[in-house]
Amino acid sequence: MKRLFAPWRWLYATKDKRQDVCPFCNAAQTTDRKEHFVLEKNDDVVVILNKYPYNTAHILISPVVHVAHLEDMTAAARSAMMESAAHWVQRVREVFKSQGFNVGFNLGSASGGSIPQHVHMHVIPRWEGDTNFLATIGETKIVASDLTAVYAQLMNH
């Protein structure tokens, strides 16, 4: 049997799911963008790389203001999220040659949302054949990229 190691996932799998610090608020307030993988920040939204990605260049877009529900956001923030999604879909397509995207929300913990207290949008690049027997049978997903390298490629493009 072969073993696949993804040590960065261990932190996520073992951490207390009750968050003392909101990672989106933390990213919005940081001065060290590189440490928190902040791709973009403006008055309305913060865009970060997901530290626990489903695929290479999995991006999260959230409002700067800490809100749990879409309807609690300003129209400007909702619009800014969509504009950011369009921008980053294009950038990821250019840099990583992705062939498709899953873009959307998991609203509330019942939907599978891991951080239901701060609404956020997922932008997940997809490629033909990026799902195989390992994910189906072994319930294991391989993400063969380094976040630091992905961040550098997206920021330098």
Protein backbone atom coordinates (compact mmCIF):
# COMPACT_ATOMS: atom_id res chain seq x y z
CA MET A 1 0.00 0.00 0.00
CA LYS A 2 1.30 3.44 -0.92
CA ARG A 3 0.99 6.28 1.55
CA LEU A 4 0.36 9.84 0.55
CA PHE A 5 1.42 12.52 2.98
CA ALA A 6 -0.28 15.89 3.23
CA PRO A 7 0.93 17.22 6.60
CA TRP A 8 -0.69 20.63 6.19
CA ARG A 9 -4.10 18.92 6.40
CA TRP A 10 -3.31 17.60 9.89
CA LEU A 11 -3.73 21.07 11.40
CA TYR A 12 -7.19 21.36 9.87
CA ALA A 13 -8.25 17.83 10.81
CA THR A 14 -7.23 18.17 14.45
CA LYS A 15 -7.98 21.79 15.25
CA ASP A 16 -10.85 22.82 17.44
CA LYS A 17 -13.63 23.77 15.02
CA ARG A 18 -14.81 26.49 17.42
CA GLN A 19 -12.76 29.37 16.16
CA ASP A 20 -11.54 32.01 18.56
CA VAL A 21 -10.19 34.11 15.71
CA CYS A 22 -12.03 34.40 12.41
CA PRO A 23 -9.51 33.60 9.64
CA PHE A 24 -11.25 36.01 7.25
CA CYS A 25 -11.18 38.89 9.73
CA ASN A 26 -7.59 38.01 10.54
CA ALA A 27 -6.68 38.12 6.84
CA ALA A 28 -8.54 41.41 6.38
CA GLN A 29 -6.64 43.02 9.28
CA THR A 30 -3.16 41.62 8.65
CA THR A 31 -0.24 43.72 7.52
CA ASP A 32 1.63 40.61 6.39
CA ARG A 33 -0.30 39.67 3.27
CA LYS A 34 2.15 36.98 2.21
CA GLU A 35 1.94 35.10 5.53
CA HIS A 36 -1.86 34.95 5.28
CA PHE A 37 -1.90 34.40 1.49
CA VAL A 38 -3.93 37.57 0.88
CA LEU A 39 -4.28 38.04 -2.86
CA GLU A 40 -6.43 41.18 -2.76
CA LYS A 41 -8.01 43.46 -0.19
CA ASN A 42 -10.17 46.52 -0.67
CA ASP A 43 -12.84 48.31 1.36
CA ASP A 44 -15.41 45.58 0.70
CA VAL A 45 -13.68 42.20 0.30
CA VAL A 46 -10.61 40.19 1.12
CA VAL A 47 -9.40 37.44 -1.23
CA ILE A 48 -7.16 34.67 0.10
CA LEU A 49 -5.81 31.30 -0.91
CA ASN A 50 -7.49 28.49 0.99
CA LYS A 51 -4.92 27.01 3.38
CA TYR A 52 -6.73 23.66 3.11
CA PRO A 53 -7.46 23.55 -0.64
CA TYR A 54 -9.60 21.09 -2.56
CA ASN A 55 -7.52 21.86 -5.65
CA THR A 56 -4.51 23.95 -6.56
CA ALA A 57 -5.29 27.69 -6.38
CA HIS A 58 -8.52 27.24 -4.37
CA ILE A 59 -9.49 30.83 -3.50
CA LEU A 60 -11.81 32.20 -0.82
CA ILE A 61 -13.52 35.59 -1.13
CA SER A 62 -15.18 37.14 1.89
CA PRO A 63 -16.56 40.51 2.94
CA VAL A 64 -14.24 42.55 5.14
CA VAL A 65 -17.14 43.01 7.57
CA HIS A 66 -17.81 39.96 9.76
CA VAL A 67 -21.28 38.72 8.74
CA ALA A 68 -22.75 35.23 8.58
CA HIS A 69 -25.51 35.75 6.00
CA LEU A 70 -25.61 37.06 2.45
CA GLU A 71 -28.63 39.19 3.29
CA ASP A 72 -26.65 40.95 6.05
CA MET A 73 -24.03 42.14 3.57
CA THR A 74 -24.20 45.45 1.77
CA ALA A 75 -25.08 45.39 -1.90
CA ALA A 76 -21.63 46.87 -2.57
CA ALA A 77 -19.90 43.97 -0.78
CA ARG A 78 -21.98 41.35 -2.63
CA SER A 79 -21.15 43.05 -5.92
CA ALA A 80 -17.46 43.30 -5.01
CA MET A 81 -17.39 39.57 -4.25
CA MET A 82 -18.69 38.76 -7.74
CA GLU A 83 -16.29 41.18 -9.41
CA SER A 84 -13.40 39.65 -7.47
CA ALA A 85 -14.56 36.15 -8.44
CA ALA A 86 -14.58 37.12 -12.13
CA HIS A 87 -11.10 38.64 -11.83
CA TRP A 88 -9.58 35.66 -10.01
CA VAL A 89 -11.23 33.08 -12.28
CA GLN A 90 -9.54 34.81 -15.21
CA ARG A 91 -6.18 35.05 -13.41
CA VAL A 92 -6.20 31.40 -12.33
CA ARG A 93 -7.23 30.29 -15.82
CA GLU A 94 -4.29 32.22 -17.30
CA VAL A 95 -1.70 31.06 -14.74
CA PHE A 96 -2.74 27.45 -14.16
CA LYS A 97 -4.59 26.69 -17.42
CA SER A 98 -7.65 25.46 -15.51
CA GLN A 99 -10.42 24.14 -17.72
CA GLY A 100 -13.35 24.91 -15.44
CA PHE A 101 -14.35 26.24 -12.02
CA ASN A 102 -16.69 25.52 -9.17
CA VAL A 103 -17.77 28.88 -7.73
CA GLY A 104 -20.18 29.16 -4.86
CA PHE A 105 -21.15 29.34 -1.21
CA ASN A 106 -21.74 26.88 1.62
CA LEU A 107 -24.12 28.91 3.77
CA GLY A 108 -24.50 27.59 7.31
CA SER A 109 -23.00 24.51 8.93
CA ALA A 110 -25.77 22.23 7.56
CA SER A 111 -24.54 23.00 4.02
CA GLY A 112 -21.04 21.84 4.82
CA GLY A 113 -19.73 25.30 5.61
CA SER A 114 -16.67 24.97 7.84
CA ILE A 115 -16.73 28.63 8.91
CA PRO A 116 -20.44 29.50 8.98
CA GLN A 117 -19.99 32.63 11.07
CA HIS A 118 -18.33 34.56 8.20
CA VAL A 119 -19.86 34.24 4.74
CA HIS A 120 -17.37 33.42 2.00
CA MET A 121 -17.30 32.31 -1.61
CA HIS A 122 -15.20 29.45 -2.95
CA VAL A 123 -13.45 29.67 -6.33
CA ILE A 124 -12.16 26.18 -7.08
CA PRO A 125 -10.26 25.54 -10.31
CA ARG A 126 -10.99 22.26 -12.11
CA TRP A 127 -9.24 20.25 -14.79
CA GLU A 128 -10.45 17.34 -16.88
CA GLY A 129 -9.60 14.18 -14.96
CA ASP A 130 -8.81 15.92 -11.66
CA THR A 131 -11.04 13.41 -9.88
CA ASN A 132 -10.05 9.77 -9.98
CA PHE A 133 -10.50 6.49 -8.14
CA LEU A 134 -8.43 7.69 -5.17
CA ALA A 135 -11.00 10.32 -4.25
CA THR A 136 -13.93 7.98 -4.90
CA ILE A 137 -12.68 4.76 -3.31
CA GLY A 138 -9.99 5.94 -0.95
CA GLU A 139 -11.69 9.17 0.11
CA THR A 140 -8.34 10.87 -0.44
CA LYS A 141 -7.67 13.96 -2.53
CA ILE A 142 -4.17 14.81 -3.69
CA VAL A 143 -3.26 18.47 -3.99
CA ALA A 144 0.23 18.45 -5.45
CA SER A 145 1.08 22.11 -5.08
CA ASP A 146 2.79 24.30 -2.53
CA LEU A 147 0.72 27.27 -1.30
CA THR A 148 3.73 29.56 -1.23
CA ALA A 149 4.53 28.75 -4.87
CA VAL A 150 0.88 29.12 -5.93
CA TYR A 151 0.67 32.48 -4.14
CA ALA A 152 3.85 33.71 -5.82
CA GLN A 153 2.64 32.64 -9.26
CA LEU A 154 -0.71 34.40 -8.84
CA MET A 155 0.84 37.57 -7.45
CA ASN A 156 3.59 37.76 -10.09
CA HIS A 157 1.35 37.20 -13.10
